[in-house]
């Protein structure tokens, strides 16, 4: 049985899609959709992890619903360097 959710996809353009979700009561992955296996390098340090996807979920089940509109040019965020709040939108000045 497919359990659907609405998600925003960002490639090739922003759009709403329906996607499959992992089964929450799955005994293999416990609802996460896969099992992560961390591995180490020759010194025993963490070097990354592999994931084995569970059979209760198929990541490729996606259905395109509709494209999302693009922002008009005058609403897009500009980084002109003159913004008193800085590039992140936060001020480095004390509040008083």
PDB file of N, CA and C in Angstrom:
ATOM      1  N   UNK A   1       0.838  -1.176   0.000  1.00  0.00           N
ATOM      2  CA  UNK A   1       0.000   0.000   0.000  1.00  0.00           C
ATOM      3  C   UNK A   1       0.885   1.243   0.000  1.00  0.00           C
ATOM      4  N   UNK A   2       0.532   2.218  -0.799  1.00  0.00           N
ATOM      5  CA  UNK A   2       1.300   3.452  -0.921  1.00  0.00           C
ATOM      6  C   UNK A   2       0.768   4.483   0.077  1.00  0.00           C
ATOM      7  N   UNK A   3       1.670   5.109   0.824  1.00  0.00           N
ATOM      8  CA  UNK A   3       1.341   6.178   1.754  1.00  0.00           C
ATOM      9  C   UNK A   3       1.906   7.461   1.160  1.00  0.00           C
ATOM     10  N   UNK A   4       1.041   8.361   0.731  1.00  0.00           N
ATOM     11  CA  UNK A   4       1.474   9.539  -0.002  1.00  0.00           C
ATOM     12  C   UNK A   4       1.613  10.766   0.889  1.00  0.00           C
ATOM     13  N   UNK A   5       2.507  11.654   0.485  1.00  0.00           N
ATOM     14  CA  UNK A   5       2.635  12.966   1.126  1.00  0.00           C
ATOM     15  C   UNK A   5       2.982  13.978   0.048  1.00  0.00           C
ATOM     16  N   UNK A   6       2.660  15.223   0.299  1.00  0.00           N
ATOM     17  CA  UNK A   6       2.980  16.307  -0.631  1.00  0.00           C
ATOM     18  C   UNK A   6       4.339  16.856  -0.251  1.00  0.00           C
ATOM     19  N   UNK A   7       5.174  17.086  -1.262  1.00  0.00           N
ATOM     20  CA  UNK A   7       6.531  17.556  -1.034  1.00  0.00           C
ATOM     21  C   UNK A   7       6.880  18.583  -2.096  1.00  0.00           C
ATOM     22  N   UNK A   8       7.798  19.494  -1.782  1.00  0.00           N
ATOM     23  CA  UNK A   8       8.283  20.468  -2.751  1.00  0.00           C
ATOM     24  C   UNK A   8       9.567  19.924  -3.359  1.00  0.00           C
ATOM     25  N   UNK A   9       9.588  19.785  -4.671  1.00  0.00           N
ATOM     26  CA  UNK A   9      10.784  19.352  -5.381  1.00  0.00           C
ATOM     27  C   UNK A   9      11.458  20.587  -5.965  1.00  0.00           C
ATOM     28  N   UNK A  10      12.787  20.587  -6.011  1.00  0.00           N
ATOM     29  CA  UNK A  10      13.527  21.760  -6.469  1.00  0.00           C
ATOM     30  C   UNK A  10      14.248  21.535  -7.784  1.00  0.00           C
ATOM     31  N   UNK A  11      14.036  20.392  -8.431  1.00  0.00           N
ATOM     32  CA  UNK A  11      14.745  20.131  -9.677  1.00  0.00           C
ATOM     33  C   UNK A  11      13.797  19.611 -10.721  1.00  0.00           C
ATOM     34  N   UNK A  12      13.797  20.005 -11.927  1.00  0.00           N
ATOM     35  CA  UNK A  12      14.567  21.093 -12.538  1.00  0.00           C
ATOM     36  C   UNK A  12      13.978  22.456 -12.226  1.00  0.00           C
ATOM     37  N   UNK A  13      12.752  22.470 -11.692  1.00  0.00           N
ATOM     38  CA  UNK A  13      12.103  23.702 -11.286  1.00  0.00           C
ATOM     39  C   UNK A  13      11.253  23.385 -10.066  1.00  0.00           C
ATOM     40  N   UNK A  14      11.024  24.376  -9.207  1.00  0.00           N
ATOM     41  CA  UNK A  14      10.205  24.132  -8.018  1.00  0.00           C
ATOM     42  C   UNK A  14       8.820  23.663  -8.412  1.00  0.00           C
ATOM     43  N   UNK A  15       8.379  22.577  -7.775  1.00  0.00           N
ATOM     44  CA  UNK A  15       7.068  22.019  -8.089  1.00  0.00           C
ATOM     45  C   UNK A  15       6.562  21.223  -6.891  1.00  0.00           C
ATOM     46  N   UNK A  16       5.262  21.028  -6.843  1.00  0.00           N
ATOM     47  CA  UNK A  16       4.664  20.146  -5.844  1.00  0.00           C
ATOM     48  C   UNK A  16       4.577  18.749  -6.430  1.00  0.00           C
ATOM     49  N   UNK A  17       4.988  17.756  -5.638  1.00  0.00           N
ATOM     50  CA  UNK A  17       4.926  16.367  -6.084  1.00  0.00           C
ATOM     51  C   UNK A  17       4.322  15.524  -4.968  1.00  0.00           C
ATOM     52  N   UNK A  18       3.701  14.419  -5.338  1.00  0.00           N
ATOM     53  CA  UNK A  18       3.265  13.407  -4.385  1.00  0.00           C
ATOM     54  C   UNK A  18       4.355  12.362  -4.305  1.00  0.00           C
ATOM     55  N   UNK A  19       4.767  11.987  -3.101  1.00  0.00           N
ATOM     56  CA  UNK A  19       5.811  10.984  -2.933  1.00  0.00           C
ATOM     57  C   UNK A  19       5.338   9.891  -1.991  1.00  0.00           C
ATOM     58  N   UNK A  20       5.947   8.732  -2.122  1.00  0.00           N
ATOM     59  CA  UNK A  20       5.685   7.612  -1.235  1.00  0.00           C
ATOM     60  C   UNK A  20       6.466   7.818   0.062  1.00  0.00           C
ATOM     61  N   UNK A  21       5.945   7.331   1.174  1.00  0.00           N
ATOM     62  CA  UNK A  21       6.632   7.411   2.457  1.00  0.00           C
ATOM     63  C   UNK A  21       6.853   6.010   3.001  1.00  0.00           C
ATOM     64  N   UNK A  22       7.866   5.819   3.848  1.00  0.00           N
ATOM     65  CA  UNK A  22       8.093   4.505   4.437  1.00  0.00           C
ATOM     66  C   UNK A  22       6.940   4.093   5.340  1.00  0.00           C
ATOM     67  N   UNK A  23       6.735   2.795   5.479  1.00  0.00           N
ATOM     68  CA  UNK A  23       5.679   2.281   6.348  1.00  0.00           C
ATOM     69  C   UNK A  23       6.109   2.487   7.798  1.00  0.00           C
ATOM     70  N   UNK A  24       5.325   3.198   8.615  1.00  0.00           N
ATOM     71  CA  UNK A  24       5.754   3.539   9.975  1.00  0.00           C
ATOM     72  C   UNK A  24       5.903   2.329  10.897  1.00  0.00           C
ATOM     73  N   UNK A  25       5.206   1.236  10.629  1.00  0.00           N
ATOM     74  CA  UNK A  25       5.297   0.072  11.512  1.00  0.00           C
ATOM     75  C   UNK A  25       6.185  -1.033  10.930  1.00  0.00           C
ATOM     76  N   UNK A  26       7.119  -0.695  10.045  1.00  0.00           N
ATOM     77  CA  UNK A  26       8.018  -1.673   9.428  1.00  0.00           C
ATOM     78  C   UNK A  26       8.995  -2.198  10.483  1.00  0.00           C
ATOM     79  N   UNK A  27       9.143  -3.506  10.554  1.00  0.00           N
ATOM     80  CA  UNK A  27      10.039  -4.090  11.565  1.00  0.00           C
ATOM     81  C   UNK A  27      11.505  -4.026  11.136  1.00  0.00           C
ATOM     82  N   UNK A  28      11.784  -3.854   9.840  1.00  0.00           N
ATOM     83  CA  UNK A  28      13.181  -3.784   9.388  1.00  0.00           C
ATOM     84  C   UNK A  28      13.793  -2.408   9.622  1.00  0.00           C
ATOM     85  N   UNK A  29      13.125  -1.362   9.139  1.00  0.00           N
ATOM     86  CA  UNK A  29      13.703  -0.012   9.199  1.00  0.00           C
ATOM     87  C   UNK A  29      13.078   0.856  10.272  1.00  0.00           C
ATOM     88  N   UNK A  30      12.057   0.383  10.943  1.00  0.00           N
ATOM     89  CA  UNK A  30      11.357   1.115  12.001  1.00  0.00           C
ATOM     90  C   UNK A  30      10.796   2.453  11.510  1.00  0.00           C
ATOM     91  N   UNK A  31      10.389   2.509  10.239  1.00  0.00           N
ATOM     92  CA  UNK A  31       9.750   3.699   9.697  1.00  0.00           C
ATOM     93  C   UNK A  31      10.682   4.725   9.103  1.00  0.00           C
ATOM     94  N   UNK A  32      11.996   4.457   9.049  1.00  0.00           N
ATOM     95  CA  UNK A  32      12.944   5.417   8.497  1.00  0.00           C
ATOM     96  C   UNK A  32      13.157   5.253   6.994  1.00  0.00           C
ATOM     97  N   UNK A  33      12.789   4.107   6.430  1.00  0.00           N
ATOM     98  CA  UNK A  33      12.941   3.896   4.997  1.00  0.00           C
ATOM     99  C   UNK A  33      14.232   3.226   4.601  1.00  0.00           C
ATOM    100  N   UNK A  34      15.114   3.003   5.540  1.00  0.00           N
ATOM    101  CA  UNK A  34      16.386   2.353   5.233  1.00  0.00           C
ATOM    102  C   UNK A  34      17.196   2.141   6.490  1.00  0.00           C
ATOM    103  N   UNK A  35      18.270   1.380   6.334  1.00  0.00           N
ATOM    104  CA  UNK A  35      19.166   1.103   7.456  1.00  0.00           C
ATOM    105  C   UNK A  35      20.527   1.672   7.106  1.00  0.00           C
ATOM    106  N   UNK A  36      21.067   2.491   8.005  1.00  0.00           N
ATOM    107  CA  UNK A  36      22.349   3.140   7.775  1.00  0.00           C
ATOM    108  C   UNK A  36      23.468   2.300   8.373  1.00  0.00           C
ATOM    109  N   UNK A  37      24.539   2.122   7.603  1.00  0.00           N
ATOM    110  CA  UNK A  37      25.697   1.368   8.052  1.00  0.00           C
ATOM    111  C   UNK A  37      26.919   2.272   8.015  1.00  0.00           C
ATOM    112  N   UNK A  38      27.359   2.786   9.177  1.00  0.00           N
ATOM    113  CA  UNK A  38      28.568   3.611   9.188  1.00  0.00           C
ATOM    114  C   UNK A  38      29.809   2.740   8.995  1.00  0.00           C
ATOM    115  N   UNK A  39      30.833   3.295   8.382  1.00  0.00           N
ATOM    116  CA  UNK A  39      32.086   2.568   8.197  1.00  0.00           C
ATOM    117  C   UNK A  39      33.249   3.492   8.502  1.00  0.00           C
ATOM    118  N   UNK A  40      34.413   2.907   8.744  1.00  0.00           N
ATOM    119  CA  UNK A  40      35.595   3.663   9.110  1.00  0.00           C
ATOM    120  C   UNK A  40      36.721   3.465   8.123  1.00  0.00           C
ATOM    121  N   UNK A  41      37.738   4.302   8.261  1.00  0.00           N
ATOM    122  CA  UNK A  41      38.920   4.171   7.409  1.00  0.00           C
ATOM    123  C   UNK A  41      39.923   3.222   8.060  1.00  0.00           C
ATOM    124  N   UNK A  42      41.134   3.186   7.545  1.00  0.00           N
ATOM    125  CA  UNK A  42      42.133   2.250   8.059  1.00  0.00           C
ATOM    126  C   UNK A  42      42.593   2.579   9.476  1.00  0.00           C
ATOM    127  N   UNK A  43      42.349   3.808   9.952  1.00  0.00           N
ATOM    128  CA  UNK A  43      42.699   4.187  11.328  1.00  0.00           C
ATOM    129  C   UNK A  43      41.556   3.946  12.305  1.00  0.00           C
ATOM    130  N   UNK A  44      40.414   3.524  11.802  1.00  0.00           N
ATOM    131  CA  UNK A  44      39.262   3.303  12.663  1.00  0.00           C
ATOM    132  C   UNK A  44      38.398   4.533  12.855  1.00  0.00           C
ATOM    133  N   UNK A  45      38.734   5.636  12.173  1.00  0.00           N
ATOM    134  CA  UNK A  45      37.946   6.857  12.265  1.00  0.00           C
ATOM    135  C   UNK A  45      36.733   6.761  11.341  1.00  0.00           C
ATOM    136  N   UNK A  46      35.689   7.494  11.688  1.00  0.00           N
ATOM    137  CA  UNK A  46      34.483   7.521  10.864  1.00  0.00           C
ATOM    138  C   UNK A  46      34.811   8.092   9.497  1.00  0.00           C
ATOM    139  N   UNK A  47      34.403   7.390   8.424  1.00  0.00           N
ATOM    140  CA  UNK A  47      34.699   7.835   7.066  1.00  0.00           C
ATOM    141  C   UNK A  47      33.443   8.025   6.228  1.00  0.00           C
ATOM    142  N   UNK A  48      32.286   7.741   6.767  1.00  0.00           N
ATOM    143  CA  UNK A  48      31.053   7.901   6.019  1.00  0.00           C
ATOM    144  C   UNK A  48      30.069   6.809   6.384  1.00  0.00           C
ATOM    145  N   UNK A  49      28.996   6.727   5.619  1.00  0.00           N
ATOM    146  CA  UNK A  49      28.005   5.694   5.879  1.00  0.00           C
ATOM    147  C   UNK A  49      27.305   5.323   4.583  1.00  0.00           C
ATOM    148  N   UNK A  50      26.887   4.094   4.519  1.00  0.00           N
ATOM    149  CA  UNK A  50      26.084   3.594   3.410  1.00  0.00           C
ATOM    150  C   UNK A  50      24.675   3.381   3.917  1.00  0.00           C
ATOM    151  N   UNK A  51      23.709   3.446   3.017  1.00  0.00           N
ATOM    152  CA  UNK A  51      22.333   3.200   3.413  1.00  0.00           C
ATOM    153  C   UNK A  51      21.754   2.117   2.513  1.00  0.00           C
ATOM    154  N   UNK A  52      21.066   1.209   3.129  1.00  0.00           N
ATOM    155  CA  UNK A  52      20.368   0.157   2.406  1.00  0.00           C
ATOM    156  C   UNK A  52      18.879   0.453   2.533  1.00  0.00           C
ATOM    157  N   UNK A  53      18.243   0.743   1.404  1.00  0.00           N
ATOM    158  CA  UNK A  53      16.836   1.101   1.431  1.00  0.00           C
ATOM    159  C   UNK A  53      15.974  -0.121   1.706  1.00  0.00           C
ATOM    160  N   UNK A  54      14.907   0.083   2.437  1.00  0.00           N
ATOM    161  CA  UNK A  54      14.003  -0.985   2.845  1.00  0.00           C
ATOM    162  C   UNK A  54      12.987  -1.262   1.736  1.00  0.00           C
ATOM    163  N   UNK A  55      12.415  -2.460   1.745  1.00  0.00           N
ATOM    164  CA  UNK A  55      11.413  -2.841   0.759  1.00  0.00           C
ATOM    165  C   UNK A  55      10.060  -2.172   0.997  1.00  0.00           C
ATOM    166  N   UNK A  56       9.838  -1.585   2.171  1.00  0.00           N
ATOM    167  CA  UNK A  56       8.548  -0.967   2.476  1.00  0.00           C
ATOM    168  C   UNK A  56       8.391   0.397   1.815  1.00  0.00           C
ATOM    169  N   UNK A  57       9.411   0.866   1.122  1.00  0.00           N
ATOM    170  CA  UNK A  57       9.402   2.213   0.569  1.00  0.00           C
ATOM    171  C   UNK A  57      10.103   2.210  -0.775  1.00  0.00           C
ATOM    172  N   UNK A  58       9.537   2.920  -1.728  1.00  0.00           N
ATOM    173  CA  UNK A  58      10.171   3.073  -3.029  1.00  0.00           C
ATOM    174  C   UNK A  58      10.346   4.557  -3.287  1.00  0.00           C
ATOM    175  N   UNK A  59      11.575   5.005  -3.267  1.00  0.00           N
ATOM    176  CA  UNK A  59      11.877   6.428  -3.407  1.00  0.00           C
ATOM    177  C   UNK A  59      11.519   6.963  -4.789  1.00  0.00           C
ATOM    178  N   UNK A  60      11.439   6.093  -5.778  1.00  0.00           N
ATOM    179  CA  UNK A  60      11.183   6.559  -7.138  1.00  0.00           C
ATOM    180  C   UNK A  60       9.699   6.789  -7.431  1.00  0.00           C
ATOM    181  N   UNK A  61       8.809   6.490  -6.500  1.00  0.00           N
ATOM    182  CA  UNK A  61       7.388   6.771  -6.693  1.00  0.00           C
ATOM    183  C   UNK A  61       7.141   8.249  -6.445  1.00  0.00           C
ATOM    184  N   UNK A  62       7.065   9.021  -7.521  1.00  0.00           N
ATOM    185  CA  UNK A  62       6.800  10.457  -7.443  1.00  0.00           C
ATOM    186  C   UNK A  62       5.849  10.825  -8.553  1.00  0.00           C
ATOM    187  N   UNK A  63       4.876  11.643  -8.233  1.00  0.00           N
ATOM    188  CA  UNK A  63       3.929  12.123  -9.225  1.00  0.00           C
ATOM    189  C   UNK A  63       3.913  13.643  -9.193  1.00  0.00           C
ATOM    190  N   UNK A  64       4.172  14.230 -10.321  1.00  0.00           N
ATOM    191  CA  UNK A  64       4.181  15.677 -10.472  1.00  0.00           C
ATOM    192  C   UNK A  64       2.755  16.204 -10.342  1.00  0.00           C
ATOM    193  N   UNK A  65       2.546  17.198  -9.493  1.00  0.00           N
ATOM    194  CA  UNK A  65       1.224  17.805  -9.338  1.00  0.00           C
ATOM    195  C   UNK A  65       1.109  19.116 -10.108  1.00  0.00           C
ATOM    196  N   UNK A  66       1.984  20.063  -9.778  1.00  0.00           N
ATOM    197  CA  UNK A  66       1.921  21.359 -10.439  1.00  0.00           C
ATOM    198  C   UNK A  66       3.207  22.130 -10.193  1.00  0.00           C
ATOM    199  N   UNK A  67       3.624  22.964 -11.152  1.00  0.00           N
ATOM    200  CA  UNK A  67       4.801  23.799 -10.926  1.00  0.00           C
ATOM    201  C   UNK A  67       4.451  24.958  -9.994  1.00  0.00           C
ATOM    202  N   UNK A  68       5.407  25.378  -9.220  1.00  0.00           N
ATOM    203  CA  UNK A  68       5.211  26.543  -8.361  1.00  0.00           C
ATOM    204  C   UNK A  68       5.678  27.785  -9.106  1.00  0.00           C
ATOM    205  N   UNK A  69       4.972  28.901  -8.944  1.00  0.00           N
ATOM    206  CA  UNK A  69       5.361  30.116  -9.672  1.00  0.00           C
ATOM    207  C   UNK A  69       6.698  30.650  -9.171  1.00  0.00           C
ATOM    208  N   UNK A  70       7.391  31.309 -10.058  1.00  0.00           N
ATOM    209  CA  UNK A  70       8.658  31.938  -9.684  1.00  0.00           C
ATOM    210  C   UNK A  70       8.377  33.303  -9.088  1.00  0.00           C
ATOM    211  N   UNK A  71       9.262  33.754  -8.227  1.00  0.00           N
ATOM    212  CA  UNK A  71       9.096  35.087  -7.662  1.00  0.00           C
ATOM    213  C   UNK A  71       9.389  36.135  -8.714  1.00  0.00           C
ATOM    214  N   UNK A  72       8.647  37.235  -8.682  1.00  0.00           N
ATOM    215  CA  UNK A  72       8.983  38.326  -9.602  1.00  0.00           C
ATOM    216  C   UNK A  72      10.371  38.867  -9.272  1.00  0.00           C
ATOM    217  N   UNK A  73      11.009  39.461 -10.244  1.00  0.00           N
ATOM    218  CA  UNK A  73      12.376  39.966 -10.036  1.00  0.00           C
ATOM    219  C   UNK A  73      12.457  40.978  -8.912  1.00  0.00           C
ATOM    220  N   UNK A  74      11.437  41.795  -8.757  1.00  0.00           N
ATOM    221  CA  UNK A  74      11.500  42.835  -7.731  1.00  0.00           C
ATOM    222  C   UNK A  74      11.320  42.269  -6.333  1.00  0.00           C
ATOM    223  N   UNK A  75      10.877  41.000  -6.187  1.00  0.00           N
ATOM    224  CA  UNK A  75      10.747  40.379  -4.868  1.00  0.00           C
ATOM    225  C   UNK A  75      11.923  39.484  -4.505  1.00  0.00           C
ATOM    226  N   UNK A  76      12.791  39.206  -5.462  1.00  0.00           N
ATOM    227  CA  UNK A  76      13.927  38.336  -5.175  1.00  0.00           C
ATOM    228  C   UNK A  76      14.898  39.033  -4.244  1.00  0.00           C
ATOM    229  N   UNK A  77      15.543  38.257  -3.390  1.00  0.00           N
ATOM    230  CA  UNK A  77      16.496  38.810  -2.423  1.00  0.00           C
ATOM    231  C   UNK A  77      17.762  39.238  -3.158  1.00  0.00           C
ATOM    232  N   UNK A  78      18.193  40.445  -2.877  1.00  0.00           N
ATOM    233  CA  UNK A  78      19.407  40.966  -3.499  1.00  0.00           C
ATOM    234  C   UNK A  78      20.457  41.182  -2.422  1.00  0.00           C
ATOM    235  N   UNK A  79      21.678  40.850  -2.733  1.00  0.00           N
ATOM    236  CA  UNK A  79      22.790  41.088  -1.813  1.00  0.00           C
ATOM    237  C   UNK A  79      23.645  42.206  -2.404  1.00  0.00           C
ATOM    238  N   UNK A  80      23.255  43.461  -2.107  1.00  0.00           N
ATOM    239  CA  UNK A  80      23.931  44.605  -2.706  1.00  0.00           C
ATOM    240  C   UNK A  80      25.091  45.105  -1.851  1.00  0.00           C
ATOM    241  N   UNK A  81      25.225  44.607  -0.622  1.00  0.00           N
ATOM    242  CA  UNK A  81      26.282  45.092   0.244  1.00  0.00           C
ATOM    243  C   UNK A  81      25.883  46.326   1.028  1.00  0.00           C
ATOM    244  N   UNK A  82      24.760  46.948   0.700  1.00  0.00           N
ATOM    245  CA  UNK A  82      24.304  48.144   1.402  1.00  0.00           C
ATOM    246  C   UNK A  82      23.241  47.822   2.435  1.00  0.00           C
ATOM    247  N   UNK A  83      22.897  46.576   2.590  1.00  0.00           N
ATOM    248  CA  UNK A  83      21.837  46.170   3.511  1.00  0.00           C
ATOM    249  C   UNK A  83      22.315  46.355   4.954  1.00  0.00           C
ATOM    250  N   UNK A  84      21.627  47.178   5.777  1.00  0.00           N
ATOM    251  CA  UNK A  84      22.080  47.388   7.158  1.00  0.00           C
ATOM    252  C   UNK A  84      21.974  46.127   8.004  1.00  0.00           C
ATOM    253  N   UNK A  85      21.167  45.179   7.578  1.00  0.00           N
ATOM    254  CA  UNK A  85      21.014  43.953   8.345  1.00  0.00           C
ATOM    255  C   UNK A  85      22.031  42.898   7.950  1.00  0.00           C
ATOM    256  N   UNK A  86      22.838  43.140   6.966  1.00  0.00           N
ATOM    257  CA  UNK A  86      23.861  42.197   6.557  1.00  0.00           C
ATOM    258  C   UNK A  86      23.304  41.153   5.601  1.00  0.00           C
ATOM    259  N   UNK A  87      24.172  40.302   5.075  1.00  0.00           N
ATOM    260  CA  UNK A  87      23.733  39.336   4.078  1.00  0.00           C
ATOM    261  C   UNK A  87      22.821  38.256   4.636  1.00  0.00           C
ATOM    262  N   UNK A  88      22.905  37.952   5.925  1.00  0.00           N
ATOM    263  CA  UNK A  88      22.060  36.915   6.504  1.00  0.00           C
ATOM    264  C   UNK A  88      20.746  37.442   7.046  1.00  0.00           C
ATOM    265  N   UNK A  89      20.523  38.753   7.030  1.00  0.00           N
ATOM    266  CA  UNK A  89      19.297  39.319   7.544  1.00  0.00           C
ATOM    267  C   UNK A  89      19.370  39.645   9.032  1.00  0.00           C
ATOM    268  N   UNK A  90      20.545  39.519   9.653  1.00  0.00           N
ATOM    269  CA  UNK A  90      20.705  39.809  11.065  1.00  0.00           C
ATOM    270  C   UNK A  90      21.686  40.947  11.246  1.00  0.00           C
ATOM    271  N   UNK A  91      21.406  41.799  12.214  1.00  0.00           N
ATOM    272  CA  UNK A  91      22.289  42.925  12.477  1.00  0.00           C
ATOM    273  C   UNK A  91      23.354  42.508  13.485  1.00  0.00           C
ATOM    274  N   UNK A  92      24.554  43.070  13.339  1.00  0.00           N
ATOM    275  CA  UNK A  92      25.613  42.819  14.321  1.00  0.00           C
ATOM    276  C   UNK A  92      25.725  43.980  15.304  1.00  0.00           C
ATOM    277  N   UNK A  93      24.774  44.901  15.247  1.00  0.00           N
ATOM    278  CA  UNK A  93      24.751  46.050  16.164  1.00  0.00           C
ATOM    279  C   UNK A  93      24.000  45.677  17.433  1.00  0.00           C
ATOM    280  N   UNK A  94      24.392  46.248  18.596  1.00  0.00           N
ATOM    281  CA  UNK A  94      23.643  45.984  19.817  1.00  0.00           C
ATOM    282  C   UNK A  94      22.225  46.561  19.718  1.00  0.00           C
ATOM    283  N   UNK A  95      21.260  45.996  20.441  1.00  0.00           N
ATOM    284  CA  UNK A  95      19.869  46.419  20.271  1.00  0.00           C
ATOM    285  C   UNK A  95      19.557  47.807  20.798  1.00  0.00           C
ATOM    286  N   UNK A  96      20.376  48.393  21.683  1.00  0.00           N
ATOM    287  CA  UNK A  96      20.046  49.707  22.238  1.00  0.00           C
ATOM    288  C   UNK A  96      21.131  50.690  21.984  1.00  0.00           C
TER     289      UNK A  96
END
